[in-house]
Amino acid sequence: HIAPKFFYDARGSRLFERICSTKEYYPTITETAILSAHITA
């Protein structure tokens, strides 16, 4: 095993941002929608 924090060199960080833009990776788009809908509250 290797801890996931070691994913995040500069290239790993950029790749993670690409993951967050995919249609399949629902957490980013869903969380952003929740924050946008309720940000005033």
PDB file of all heavy atoms in Angstrom:
ATOM      1  N   HIS A   1       0.835  -1.190   0.000  1.00  0.00           N
ATOM      2  CA  HIS A   1       0.000   0.000   0.000  1.00  0.00           C
ATOM      3  C   HIS A   1       0.875   1.247   0.000  1.00  0.00           C
ATOM      4  O   HIS A   1       2.031   1.211   0.459  1.00  0.00           O
ATOM      5  CB  HIS A   1      -0.922   0.016   1.225  1.00  0.00           C
ATOM      6  CG  HIS A   1      -0.159   0.068   2.526  1.00  0.00           C
ATOM      7  ND1 HIS A   1       0.276  -1.073   3.171  1.00  0.00           N
ATOM      8  CD2 HIS A   1       0.269   1.111   3.287  1.00  0.00           C
ATOM      9  CE1 HIS A   1       0.929  -0.731   4.281  1.00  0.00           C
ATOM     10  NE2 HIS A   1       0.940   0.586   4.362  1.00  0.00           N
ATOM     11  N   ILE A   2       0.339   2.344  -0.500  1.00  0.00           N
ATOM     12  CA  ILE A   2       0.975   3.663  -0.433  1.00  0.00           C
ATOM     13  C   ILE A   2      -0.134   4.678  -0.178  1.00  0.00           C
ATOM     14  O   ILE A   2      -1.200   4.617  -0.808  1.00  0.00           O
ATOM     15  CB  ILE A   2       1.734   4.006  -1.735  1.00  0.00           C
ATOM     16  CG1 ILE A   2       2.827   2.977  -2.012  1.00  0.00           C
ATOM     17  CG2 ILE A   2       2.347   5.407  -1.643  1.00  0.00           C
ATOM     18  CD1 ILE A   2       3.542   3.182  -3.341  1.00  0.00           C
ATOM     19  N   ALA A   3       0.081   5.612   0.725  1.00  0.00           N
ATOM     20  CA  ALA A   3      -0.948   6.583   1.110  1.00  0.00           C
ATOM     21  C   ALA A   3      -1.321   7.484  -0.068  1.00  0.00           C
ATOM     22  O   ALA A   3      -0.458   7.906  -0.842  1.00  0.00           O
ATOM     23  CB  ALA A   3      -0.456   7.434   2.274  1.00  0.00           C
ATOM     24  N   PRO A   4      -2.607   7.814  -0.218  1.00  0.00           N
ATOM     25  CA  PRO A   4      -3.045   8.622  -1.360  1.00  0.00           C
ATOM     26  C   PRO A   4      -2.516  10.051  -1.364  1.00  0.00           C
ATOM     27  O   PRO A   4      -2.531  10.700  -2.410  1.00  0.00           O
ATOM     28  CB  PRO A   4      -4.571   8.606  -1.241  1.00  0.00           C
ATOM     29  CG  PRO A   4      -4.851   8.272   0.185  1.00  0.00           C
ATOM     30  CD  PRO A   4      -3.739   7.371   0.622  1.00  0.00           C
ATOM     31  N   LYS A   5      -2.027  10.558  -0.238  1.00  0.00           N
ATOM     32  CA  LYS A   5      -1.507  11.925  -0.251  1.00  0.00           C
ATOM     33  C   LYS A   5      -0.311  12.068  -1.193  1.00  0.00           C
ATOM     34  O   LYS A   5      -0.017  13.169  -1.667  1.00  0.00           O
ATOM     35  CB  LYS A   5      -1.129  12.378   1.161  1.00  0.00           C
ATOM     36  CG  LYS A   5       0.051  11.649   1.784  1.00  0.00           C
ATOM     37  CD  LYS A   5       0.296  12.154   3.203  1.00  0.00           C
ATOM     38  CE  LYS A   5       1.451  11.441   3.881  1.00  0.00           C
ATOM     39  NZ  LYS A   5       1.650  11.942   5.269  1.00  0.00           N
ATOM     40  N   PHE A   6       0.347  10.949  -1.514  1.00  0.00           N
ATOM     41  CA  PHE A   6       1.503  11.022  -2.397  1.00  0.00           C
ATOM     42  C   PHE A   6       1.115  11.085  -3.874  1.00  0.00           C
ATOM     43  O   PHE A   6       1.980  11.205  -4.738  1.00  0.00           O
ATOM     44  CB  PHE A   6       2.444   9.843  -2.124  1.00  0.00           C
ATOM     45  CG  PHE A   6       3.033   9.879  -0.749  1.00  0.00           C
ATOM     46  CD1 PHE A   6       2.709   8.907   0.190  1.00  0.00           C
ATOM     47  CD2 PHE A   6       3.895  10.893  -0.366  1.00  0.00           C
ATOM     48  CE1 PHE A   6       3.241   8.946   1.471  1.00  0.00           C
ATOM     49  CE2 PHE A   6       4.428  10.944   0.912  1.00  0.00           C
ATOM     50  CZ  PHE A   6       4.105   9.965   1.833  1.00  0.00           C
ATOM     51  N   PHE A   7      -0.172  11.034  -4.184  1.00  0.00           N
ATOM     52  CA  PHE A   7      -0.630  11.290  -5.546  1.00  0.00           C
ATOM     53  C   PHE A   7      -0.300  12.710  -5.998  1.00  0.00           C
ATOM     54  O   PHE A   7      -0.127  12.971  -7.183  1.00  0.00           O
ATOM     55  CB  PHE A   7      -2.161  11.152  -5.624  1.00  0.00           C
ATOM     56  CG  PHE A   7      -2.696   9.759  -5.673  1.00  0.00           C
ATOM     57  CD1 PHE A   7      -3.804   9.422  -4.906  1.00  0.00           C
ATOM     58  CD2 PHE A   7      -2.151   8.790  -6.500  1.00  0.00           C
ATOM     59  CE1 PHE A   7      -4.348   8.140  -4.963  1.00  0.00           C
ATOM     60  CE2 PHE A   7      -2.682   7.512  -6.559  1.00  0.00           C
ATOM     61  CZ  PHE A   7      -3.780   7.191  -5.787  1.00  0.00           C
ATOM     62  N   TYR A   8      -0.233  13.636  -5.038  1.00  0.00           N
ATOM     63  CA  TYR A   8      -0.364  15.044  -5.378  1.00  0.00           C
ATOM     64  C   TYR A   8       0.966  15.767  -5.567  1.00  0.00           C
ATOM     65  O   TYR A   8       1.284  16.727  -4.865  1.00  0.00           O
ATOM     66  CB  TYR A   8      -1.246  15.756  -4.340  1.00  0.00           C
ATOM     67  CG  TYR A   8      -2.642  15.201  -4.342  1.00  0.00           C
ATOM     68  CD1 TYR A   8      -3.024  14.227  -3.418  1.00  0.00           C
ATOM     69  CD2 TYR A   8      -3.550  15.595  -5.306  1.00  0.00           C
ATOM     70  CE1 TYR A   8      -4.301  13.689  -3.450  1.00  0.00           C
ATOM     71  CE2 TYR A   8      -4.833  15.056  -5.336  1.00  0.00           C
ATOM     72  CZ  TYR A   8      -5.201  14.103  -4.409  1.00  0.00           C
ATOM     73  OH  TYR A   8      -6.460  13.557  -4.444  1.00  0.00           O
ATOM     74  N   ASP A   9       1.741  15.302  -6.571  1.00  0.00           N
ATOM     75  CA  ASP A   9       2.782  16.163  -7.094  1.00  0.00           C
ATOM     76  C   ASP A   9       2.091  17.114  -8.070  1.00  0.00           C
ATOM     77  O   ASP A   9       0.864  17.135  -8.193  1.00  0.00           O
ATOM     78  CB  ASP A   9       3.900  15.353  -7.754  1.00  0.00           C
ATOM     79  CG  ASP A   9       3.433  14.543  -8.947  1.00  0.00           C
ATOM     80  OD1 ASP A   9       2.206  14.478  -9.217  1.00  0.00           O
ATOM     81  OD2 ASP A   9       4.295  13.960  -9.639  1.00  0.00           O
ATOM     82  N   ALA A  10       2.852  17.942  -8.786  1.00  0.00           N
ATOM     83  CA  ALA A  10       2.219  18.927  -9.664  1.00  0.00           C
ATOM     84  C   ALA A  10       1.374  18.251 -10.739  1.00  0.00           C
ATOM     85  O   ALA A  10       0.234  18.661 -11.010  1.00  0.00           O
ATOM     86  CB  ALA A  10       3.279  19.819 -10.298  1.00  0.00           C
ATOM     87  N   ARG A  11       1.907  17.178 -11.372  1.00  0.00           N
ATOM     88  CA  ARG A  11       1.140  16.508 -12.421  1.00  0.00           C
ATOM     89  C   ARG A  11      -0.073  15.793 -11.833  1.00  0.00           C
ATOM     90  O   ARG A  11      -1.164  15.831 -12.426  1.00  0.00           O
ATOM     91  CB  ARG A  11       2.010  15.506 -13.179  1.00  0.00           C
ATOM     92  CG  ARG A  11       1.266  14.837 -14.337  1.00  0.00           C
ATOM     93  CD  ARG A  11       2.177  14.025 -15.245  1.00  0.00           C
ATOM     94  NE  ARG A  11       1.428  13.515 -16.381  1.00  0.00           N
ATOM     95  CZ  ARG A  11       0.830  12.328 -16.441  1.00  0.00           C
ATOM     96  NH1 ARG A  11       0.931  11.499 -15.396  1.00  0.00           N
ATOM     97  NH2 ARG A  11       0.158  11.947 -17.507  1.00  0.00           N
ATOM     98  N   GLY A  12       0.086  15.159 -10.691  1.00  0.00           N
ATOM     99  CA  GLY A  12      -1.042  14.493 -10.064  1.00  0.00           C
ATOM    100  C   GLY A  12      -2.166  15.465  -9.731  1.00  0.00           C
ATOM    101  O   GLY A  12      -3.345  15.154  -9.917  1.00  0.00           O
ATOM    102  N   SER A  13      -1.799  16.652  -9.259  1.00  0.00           N
ATOM    103  CA  SER A  13      -2.809  17.662  -8.940  1.00  0.00           C
ATOM    104  C   SER A  13      -3.556  18.094 -10.199  1.00  0.00           C
ATOM    105  O   SER A  13      -4.778  18.281 -10.183  1.00  0.00           O
ATOM    106  CB  SER A  13      -2.150  18.866  -8.266  1.00  0.00           C
ATOM    107  OG  SER A  13      -1.597  18.499  -7.017  1.00  0.00           O
ATOM    108  N   ARG A  14      -2.818  18.262 -11.301  1.00  0.00           N
ATOM    109  CA  ARG A  14      -3.486  18.637 -12.557  1.00  0.00           C
ATOM    110  C   ARG A  14      -4.403  17.528 -13.055  1.00  0.00           C
ATOM    111  O   ARG A  14      -5.510  17.797 -13.536  1.00  0.00           O
ATOM    112  CB  ARG A  14      -2.438  18.988 -13.618  1.00  0.00           C
ATOM    113  CG  ARG A  14      -1.695  20.296 -13.356  1.00  0.00           C
ATOM    114  CD  ARG A  14      -0.895  20.721 -14.565  1.00  0.00           C
ATOM    115  NE  ARG A  14       0.174  19.790 -14.881  1.00  0.00           N
ATOM    116  CZ  ARG A  14       1.416  19.875 -14.410  1.00  0.00           C
ATOM    117  NH1 ARG A  14       1.740  20.863 -13.586  1.00  0.00           N
ATOM    118  NH2 ARG A  14       2.329  18.994 -14.761  1.00  0.00           N
ATOM    119  N   LEU A  15      -3.948  16.291 -12.932  1.00  0.00           N
ATOM    120  CA  LEU A  15      -4.789  15.175 -13.356  1.00  0.00           C
ATOM    121  C   LEU A  15      -6.065  15.086 -12.508  1.00  0.00           C
ATOM    122  O   LEU A  15      -7.143  14.769 -13.027  1.00  0.00           O
ATOM    123  CB  LEU A  15      -4.014  13.859 -13.264  1.00  0.00           C
ATOM    124  CG  LEU A  15      -3.037  13.585 -14.409  1.00  0.00           C
ATOM    125  CD1 LEU A  15      -2.121  12.415 -14.052  1.00  0.00           C
ATOM    126  CD2 LEU A  15      -3.797  13.295 -15.705  1.00  0.00           C
ATOM    127  N   PHE A  16      -5.938  15.363 -11.220  1.00  0.00           N
ATOM    128  CA  PHE A  16      -7.135  15.318 -10.382  1.00  0.00           C
ATOM    129  C   PHE A  16      -8.149  16.367 -10.828  1.00  0.00           C
ATOM    130  O   PHE A  16      -9.361  16.120 -10.823  1.00  0.00           O
ATOM    131  CB  PHE A  16      -6.786  15.513  -8.913  1.00  0.00           C
ATOM    132  CG  PHE A  16      -7.983  15.403  -8.010  1.00  0.00           C
ATOM    133  CD1 PHE A  16      -8.604  14.179  -7.808  1.00  0.00           C
ATOM    134  CD2 PHE A  16      -8.516  16.519  -7.395  1.00  0.00           C
ATOM    135  CE1 PHE A  16      -9.736  14.074  -7.003  1.00  0.00           C
ATOM    136  CE2 PHE A  16      -9.644  16.425  -6.594  1.00  0.00           C
ATOM    137  CZ  PHE A  16     -10.248  15.194  -6.402  1.00  0.00           C
ATOM    138  N   GLU A  17      -7.678  17.537 -11.227  1.00  0.00           N
ATOM    139  CA  GLU A  17      -8.594  18.555 -11.733  1.00  0.00           C
ATOM    140  C   GLU A  17      -9.291  18.067 -12.998  1.00  0.00           C
ATOM    141  O   GLU A  17     -10.475  18.353 -13.210  1.00  0.00           O
ATOM    142  CB  GLU A  17      -7.848  19.864 -12.004  1.00  0.00           C
ATOM    143  CG  GLU A  17      -7.228  20.502 -10.762  1.00  0.00           C
ATOM    144  CD  GLU A  17      -8.219  20.719  -9.630  1.00  0.00           C
ATOM    145  OE1 GLU A  17      -9.393  21.019  -9.917  1.00  0.00           O
ATOM    146  OE2 GLU A  17      -7.833  20.572  -8.458  1.00  0.00           O
ATOM    147  N   ARG A  18      -8.593  17.293 -13.836  1.00  0.00           N
ATOM    148  CA  ARG A  18      -9.217  16.731 -15.037  1.00  0.00           C
ATOM    149  C   ARG A  18     -10.274  15.696 -14.649  1.00  0.00           C
ATOM    150  O   ARG A  18     -11.338  15.627 -15.266  1.00  0.00           O
ATOM    151  CB  ARG A  18      -8.157  16.082 -15.947  1.00  0.00           C
ATOM    152  CG  ARG A  18      -7.087  17.030 -16.454  1.00  0.00           C
ATOM    153  CD  ARG A  18      -7.643  18.093 -17.391  1.00  0.00           C
ATOM    154  NE  ARG A  18      -8.219  17.556 -18.603  1.00  0.00           N
ATOM    155  CZ  ARG A  18      -7.532  17.275 -19.720  1.00  0.00           C
ATOM    156  NH1 ARG A  18      -6.203  17.444 -19.749  1.00  0.00           N
ATOM    157  NH2 ARG A  18      -8.153  16.837 -20.797  1.00  0.00           N
ATOM    158  N   ILE A  19      -9.976  14.881 -13.642  1.00  0.00           N
ATOM    159  CA  ILE A  19     -10.967  13.915 -13.150  1.00  0.00           C
ATOM    160  C   ILE A  19     -12.253  14.634 -12.742  1.00  0.00           C
ATOM    161  O   ILE A  19     -13.363  14.202 -13.061  1.00  0.00           O
ATOM    162  CB  ILE A  19     -10.409  13.118 -11.960  1.00  0.00           C
ATOM    163  CG1 ILE A  19      -9.267  12.203 -12.401  1.00  0.00           C
ATOM    164  CG2 ILE A  19     -11.503  12.298 -11.272  1.00  0.00           C
ATOM    165  CD1 ILE A  19      -8.477  11.600 -11.259  1.00  0.00           C
ATOM    166  N   CYS A  20     -12.080  15.741 -12.021  1.00  0.00           N
ATOM    167  CA  CYS A  20     -13.237  16.484 -11.508  1.00  0.00           C
ATOM    168  C   CYS A  20     -14.104  17.064 -12.624  1.00  0.00           C
ATOM    169  O   CYS A  20     -15.260  17.434 -12.385  1.00  0.00           O
ATOM    170  CB  CYS A  20     -12.771  17.597 -10.575  1.00  0.00           C
ATOM    171  SG  CYS A  20     -12.051  17.000  -9.033  1.00  0.00           S
ATOM    172  N   SER A  21     -13.566  17.159 -13.838  1.00  0.00           N
ATOM    173  CA  SER A  21     -14.320  17.718 -14.963  1.00  0.00           C
ATOM    174  C   SER A  21     -15.057  16.649 -15.764  1.00  0.00           C
ATOM    175  O   SER A  21     -15.824  16.978 -16.679  1.00  0.00           O
ATOM    176  CB  SER A  21     -13.378  18.493 -15.893  1.00  0.00           C
ATOM    177  OG  SER A  21     -12.514  17.603 -16.587  1.00  0.00           O
ATOM    178  N   THR A  22     -14.848  15.364 -15.439  1.00  0.00           N
ATOM    179  CA  THR A  22     -15.493  14.306 -16.212  1.00  0.00           C
ATOM    180  C   THR A  22     -16.964  14.173 -15.822  1.00  0.00           C
ATOM    181  O   THR A  22     -17.364  14.518 -14.707  1.00  0.00           O
ATOM    182  CB  THR A  22     -14.793  12.950 -15.987  1.00  0.00           C
ATOM    183  OG1 THR A  22     -14.914  12.566 -14.614  1.00  0.00           O
ATOM    184  CG2 THR A  22     -13.318  13.025 -16.376  1.00  0.00           C
ATOM    185  N   LYS A  23     -17.766  13.649 -16.749  1.00  0.00           N
ATOM    186  CA  LYS A  23     -19.191  13.462 -16.488  1.00  0.00           C
ATOM    187  C   LYS A  23     -19.423  12.409 -15.411  1.00  0.00           C
ATOM    188  O   LYS A  23     -20.371  12.498 -14.636  1.00  0.00           O
ATOM    189  CB  LYS A  23     -19.900  13.053 -17.775  1.00  0.00           C
ATOM    190  CG  LYS A  23     -19.959  14.155 -18.830  1.00  0.00           C
ATOM    191  CD  LYS A  23     -20.697  13.675 -20.069  1.00  0.00           C
ATOM    192  CE  LYS A  23     -20.764  14.768 -21.128  1.00  0.00           C
ATOM    193  NZ  LYS A  23     -21.464  14.309 -22.352  1.00  0.00           N
ATOM    194  N   GLU A  24     -18.567  11.394 -15.384  1.00  0.00           N
ATOM    195  CA  GLU A  24     -18.769  10.293 -14.446  1.00  0.00           C
ATOM    196  C   GLU A  24     -18.502  10.688 -12.999  1.00  0.00           C
ATOM    197  O   GLU A  24     -19.111  10.138 -12.077  1.00  0.00           O
ATOM    198  CB  GLU A  24     -17.855   9.106 -14.792  1.00  0.00           C
ATOM    199  CG  GLU A  24     -18.105   8.508 -16.162  1.00  0.00           C
ATOM    200  CD  GLU A  24     -17.160   9.045 -17.221  1.00  0.00           C
ATOM    201  OE1 GLU A  24     -16.709  10.210 -17.079  1.00  0.00           O
ATOM    202  OE2 GLU A  24     -16.864   8.307 -18.167  1.00  0.00           O
ATOM    203  N   TYR A  25     -17.585  11.654 -12.801  1.00  0.00           N
ATOM    204  CA  TYR A  25     -17.180  11.984 -11.433  1.00  0.00           C
ATOM    205  C   TYR A  25     -18.182  12.986 -10.848  1.00  0.00           C
ATOM    206  O   TYR A  25     -17.974  14.197 -10.858  1.00  0.00           O
ATOM    207  CB  TYR A  25     -15.758  12.532 -11.407  1.00  0.00           C
ATOM    208  CG  TYR A  25     -15.163  12.563 -10.012  1.00  0.00           C
ATOM    209  CD1 TYR A  25     -14.775  11.388  -9.377  1.00  0.00           C
ATOM    210  CD2 TYR A  25     -15.018  13.764  -9.327  1.00  0.00           C
ATOM    211  CE1 TYR A  25     -14.258  11.406  -8.098  1.00  0.00           C
ATOM    212  CE2 TYR A  25     -14.485  13.792  -8.043  1.00  0.00           C
ATOM    213  CZ  TYR A  25     -14.113  12.615  -7.435  1.00  0.00           C
ATOM    214  OH  TYR A  25     -13.593  12.633  -6.159  1.00  0.00           O
ATOM    215  N   TYR A  26     -19.279  12.444 -10.329  1.00  0.00           N
ATOM    216  CA  TYR A  26     -20.387  13.251  -9.828  1.00  0.00           C
ATOM    217  C   TYR A  26     -20.056  14.124  -8.613  1.00  0.00           C
ATOM    218  O   TYR A  26     -20.718  15.158  -8.407  1.00  0.00           O
ATOM    219  CB  TYR A  26     -21.570  12.335  -9.463  1.00  0.00           C
ATOM    220  CG  TYR A  26     -21.229  11.419  -8.322  1.00  0.00           C
ATOM    221  CD1 TYR A  26     -21.400  11.811  -7.001  1.00  0.00           C
ATOM    222  CD2 TYR A  26     -20.667  10.171  -8.561  1.00  0.00           C
ATOM    223  CE1 TYR A  26     -21.029  10.984  -5.957  1.00  0.00           C
ATOM    224  CE2 TYR A  26     -20.295   9.346  -7.524  1.00  0.00           C
ATOM    225  CZ  TYR A  26     -20.472   9.758  -6.245  1.00  0.00           C
ATOM    226  OH  TYR A  26     -20.076   8.954  -5.208  1.00  0.00           O
ATOM    227  N   PRO A  27     -19.078  13.759  -7.719  1.00  0.00           N
ATOM    228  CA  PRO A  27     -18.927  14.560  -6.497  1.00  0.00           C
ATOM    229  C   PRO A  27     -18.682  16.045  -6.759  1.00  0.00           C
ATOM    230  O   PRO A  27     -19.255  16.893  -6.059  1.00  0.00           O
ATOM    231  CB  PRO A  27     -17.718  13.907  -5.796  1.00  0.00           C
ATOM    232  CG  PRO A  27     -17.765  12.490  -6.248  1.00  0.00           C
ATOM    233  CD  PRO A  27     -18.209  12.564  -7.682  1.00  0.00           C
ATOM    234  N   THR A  28     -17.862  16.376  -7.747  1.00  0.00           N
ATOM    235  CA  THR A  28     -17.529  17.788  -7.960  1.00  0.00           C
ATOM    236  C   THR A  28     -18.734  18.579  -8.438  1.00  0.00           C
ATOM    237  O   THR A  28     -19.082  19.616  -7.856  1.00  0.00           O
ATOM    238  CB  THR A  28     -16.380  17.907  -8.972  1.00  0.00           C
ATOM    239  OG1 THR A  28     -15.232  17.254  -8.446  1.00  0.00           O
ATOM    240  CG2 THR A  28     -16.047  19.375  -9.225  1.00  0.00           C
ATOM    241  N   ILE A  29     -19.384  18.109  -9.490  1.00  0.00           N
ATOM    242  CA  ILE A  29     -20.521  18.860 -10.024  1.00  0.00           C
ATOM    243  C   ILE A  29     -21.682  18.902  -9.031  1.00  0.00           C
ATOM    244  O   ILE A  29     -22.372  19.913  -8.893  1.00  0.00           O
ATOM    245  CB  ILE A  29     -20.963  18.283 -11.391  1.00  0.00           C
ATOM    246  CG1 ILE A  29     -21.985  19.216 -12.037  1.00  0.00           C
ATOM    247  CG2 ILE A  29     -21.514  16.864 -11.239  1.00  0.00           C
ATOM    248  CD1 ILE A  29     -22.307  18.838 -13.474  1.00  0.00           C
ATOM    249  N   THR A  30     -21.864  17.811  -8.282  1.00  0.00           N
ATOM    250  CA  THR A  30     -22.968  17.759  -7.321  1.00  0.00           C
ATOM    251  C   THR A  30     -22.710  18.674  -6.135  1.00  0.00           C
ATOM    252  O   THR A  30     -23.591  19.434  -5.708  1.00  0.00           O
ATOM    253  CB  THR A  30     -23.199  16.320  -6.843  1.00  0.00           C
ATOM    254  OG1 THR A  30     -23.383  15.471  -7.979  1.00  0.00           O
ATOM    255  CG2 THR A  30     -24.422  16.226  -5.946  1.00  0.00           C
ATOM    256  N   GLU A  31     -21.500  18.621  -5.594  1.00  0.00           N
ATOM    257  CA  GLU A  31     -21.186  19.492  -4.458  1.00  0.00           C
ATOM    258  C   GLU A  31     -21.249  20.953  -4.867  1.00  0.00           C
ATOM    259  O   GLU A  31     -21.758  21.800  -4.113  1.00  0.00           O
ATOM    260  CB  GLU A  31     -19.805  19.153  -3.902  1.00  0.00           C
ATOM    261  CG  GLU A  31     -19.455  19.979  -2.662  1.00  0.00           C
ATOM    262  CD  GLU A  31     -18.097  19.624  -2.092  1.00  0.00           C
ATOM    263  OE1 GLU A  31     -17.185  19.338  -2.903  1.00  0.00           O
ATOM    264  OE2 GLU A  31     -17.950  19.626  -0.860  1.00  0.00           O
ATOM    265  N   THR A  32     -20.742  21.279  -6.053  1.00  0.00           N
ATOM    266  CA  THR A  32     -20.796  22.663  -6.530  1.00  0.00           C
ATOM    267  C   THR A  32     -22.240  23.132  -6.663  1.00  0.00           C
ATOM    268  O   THR A  32     -22.576  24.273  -6.307  1.00  0.00           O
ATOM    269  CB  THR A  32     -20.065  22.791  -7.873  1.00  0.00           C
ATOM    270  OG1 THR A  32     -18.705  22.378  -7.708  1.00  0.00           O
ATOM    271  CG2 THR A  32     -20.087  24.230  -8.374  1.00  0.00           C
ATOM    272  N   ALA A  33     -23.118  22.248  -7.162  1.00  0.00           N
ATOM    273  CA  ALA A  33     -24.531  22.606  -7.298  1.00  0.00           C
ATOM    274  C   ALA A  33     -25.176  22.834  -5.927  1.00  0.00           C
ATOM    275  O   ALA A  33     -25.984  23.761  -5.754  1.00  0.00           O
ATOM    276  CB  ALA A  33     -25.275  21.514  -8.060  1.00  0.00           C
ATOM    277  N   ILE A  34     -24.831  22.005  -4.952  1.00  0.00           N
ATOM    278  CA  ILE A  34     -25.365  22.181  -3.596  1.00  0.00           C
ATOM    279  C   ILE A  34     -24.916  23.530  -3.028  1.00  0.00           C
ATOM    280  O   ILE A  34     -25.730  24.295  -2.485  1.00  0.00           O
ATOM    281  CB  ILE A  34     -24.911  21.032  -2.675  1.00  0.00           C
ATOM    282  CG1 ILE A  34     -25.524  19.708  -3.120  1.00  0.00           C
ATOM    283  CG2 ILE A  34     -25.278  21.324  -1.217  1.00  0.00           C
ATOM    284  CD1 ILE A  34     -24.915  18.499  -2.434  1.00  0.00           C
ATOM    285  N   LEU A  35     -23.632  23.817  -3.153  1.00  0.00           N
ATOM    286  CA  LEU A  35     -23.118  25.089  -2.635  1.00  0.00           C
ATOM    287  C   LEU A  35     -23.782  26.270  -3.340  1.00  0.00           C
ATOM    288  O   LEU A  35     -24.168  27.262  -2.699  1.00  0.00           O
ATOM    289  CB  LEU A  35     -21.601  25.146  -2.807  1.00  0.00           C
ATOM    290  CG  LEU A  35     -20.785  24.206  -1.915  1.00  0.00           C
ATOM    291  CD1 LEU A  35     -19.327  24.189  -2.355  1.00  0.00           C
ATOM    292  CD2 LEU A  35     -20.882  24.620  -0.449  1.00  0.00           C
ATOM    293  N   SER A  36     -23.923  26.186  -4.657  1.00  0.00           N
ATOM    294  CA  SER A  36     -24.534  27.284  -5.409  1.00  0.00           C
ATOM    295  C   SER A  36     -25.977  27.505  -4.997  1.00  0.00           C
ATOM    296  O   SER A  36     -26.434  28.651  -4.848  1.00  0.00           O
ATOM    297  CB  SER A  36     -24.465  26.987  -6.908  1.00  0.00           C
ATOM    298  OG  SER A  36     -23.126  26.892  -7.361  1.00  0.00           O
ATOM    299  N   ALA A  37     -26.711  26.417  -4.786  1.00  0.00           N
ATOM    300  CA  ALA A  37     -28.139  26.529  -4.451  1.00  0.00           C
ATOM    301  C   ALA A  37     -28.370  27.073  -3.047  1.00  0.00           C
ATOM    302  O   ALA A  37     -29.386  27.734  -2.787  1.00  0.00           O
ATOM    303  CB  ALA A  37     -28.811  25.167  -4.604  1.00  0.00           C
ATOM    304  N   HIS A  38     -27.451  26.799  -2.136  1.00  0.00           N
ATOM    305  CA  HIS A  38     -27.690  27.122  -0.719  1.00  0.00           C
ATOM    306  C   HIS A  38     -26.681  28.118  -0.148  1.00  0.00           C
ATOM    307  O   HIS A  38     -26.639  28.288   1.078  1.00  0.00           O
ATOM    308  CB  HIS A  38     -27.654  25.828   0.105  1.00  0.00           C
ATOM    309  CG  HIS A  38     -28.679  24.823  -0.318  1.00  0.00           C
ATOM    310  ND1 HIS A  38     -30.020  24.948  -0.014  1.00  0.00           N
ATOM    311  CD2 HIS A  38     -28.567  23.671  -1.034  1.00  0.00           C
ATOM    312  CE1 HIS A  38     -30.687  23.919  -0.523  1.00  0.00           C
ATOM    313  NE2 HIS A  38     -29.829  23.132  -1.142  1.00  0.00           N
ATOM    314  N   ILE A  39     -25.894  28.755  -0.997  1.00  0.00           N
ATOM    315  CA  ILE A  39     -24.788  29.566  -0.486  1.00  0.00           C
ATOM    316  C   ILE A  39     -25.269  30.733   0.377  1.00  0.00           C
ATOM    317  O   ILE A  39     -24.603  31.100   1.349  1.00  0.00           O
ATOM    318  CB  ILE A  39     -23.893  30.063  -1.647  1.00  0.00           C
ATOM    319  CG1 ILE A  39     -22.553  30.557  -1.106  1.00  0.00           C
ATOM    320  CG2 ILE A  39     -24.606  31.117  -2.479  1.00  0.00           C
ATOM    321  CD1 ILE A  39     -21.720  29.499  -0.447  1.00  0.00           C
ATOM    322  N   THR A  40     -26.417  31.301   0.064  1.00  0.00           N
ATOM    323  CA  THR A  40     -26.920  32.415   0.878  1.00  0.00           C
ATOM    324  C   THR A  40     -27.254  31.933   2.288  1.00  0.00           C
ATOM    325  O   THR A  40     -26.894  32.597   3.293  1.00  0.00           O
ATOM    326  CB  THR A  40     -28.163  33.043   0.225  1.00  0.00           C
ATOM    327  OG1 THR A  40     -27.815  33.529  -1.080  1.00  0.00           O
ATOM    328  CG2 THR A  40     -28.685  34.201   1.070  1.00  0.00           C
ATOM    329  N   ALA A  41     -27.918  30.799   2.394  1.00  0.00           N
ATOM    330  CA  ALA A  41     -28.249  30.253   3.714  1.00  0.00           C
ATOM    331  C   ALA A  41     -26.990  29.841   4.464  1.00  0.00           C
ATOM    332  O   ALA A  41     -26.880  30.038   5.684  1.00  0.00           O
ATOM    333  CB  ALA A  41     -29.185  29.059   3.556  1.00  0.00           C
TER     334      ALA A  41
END
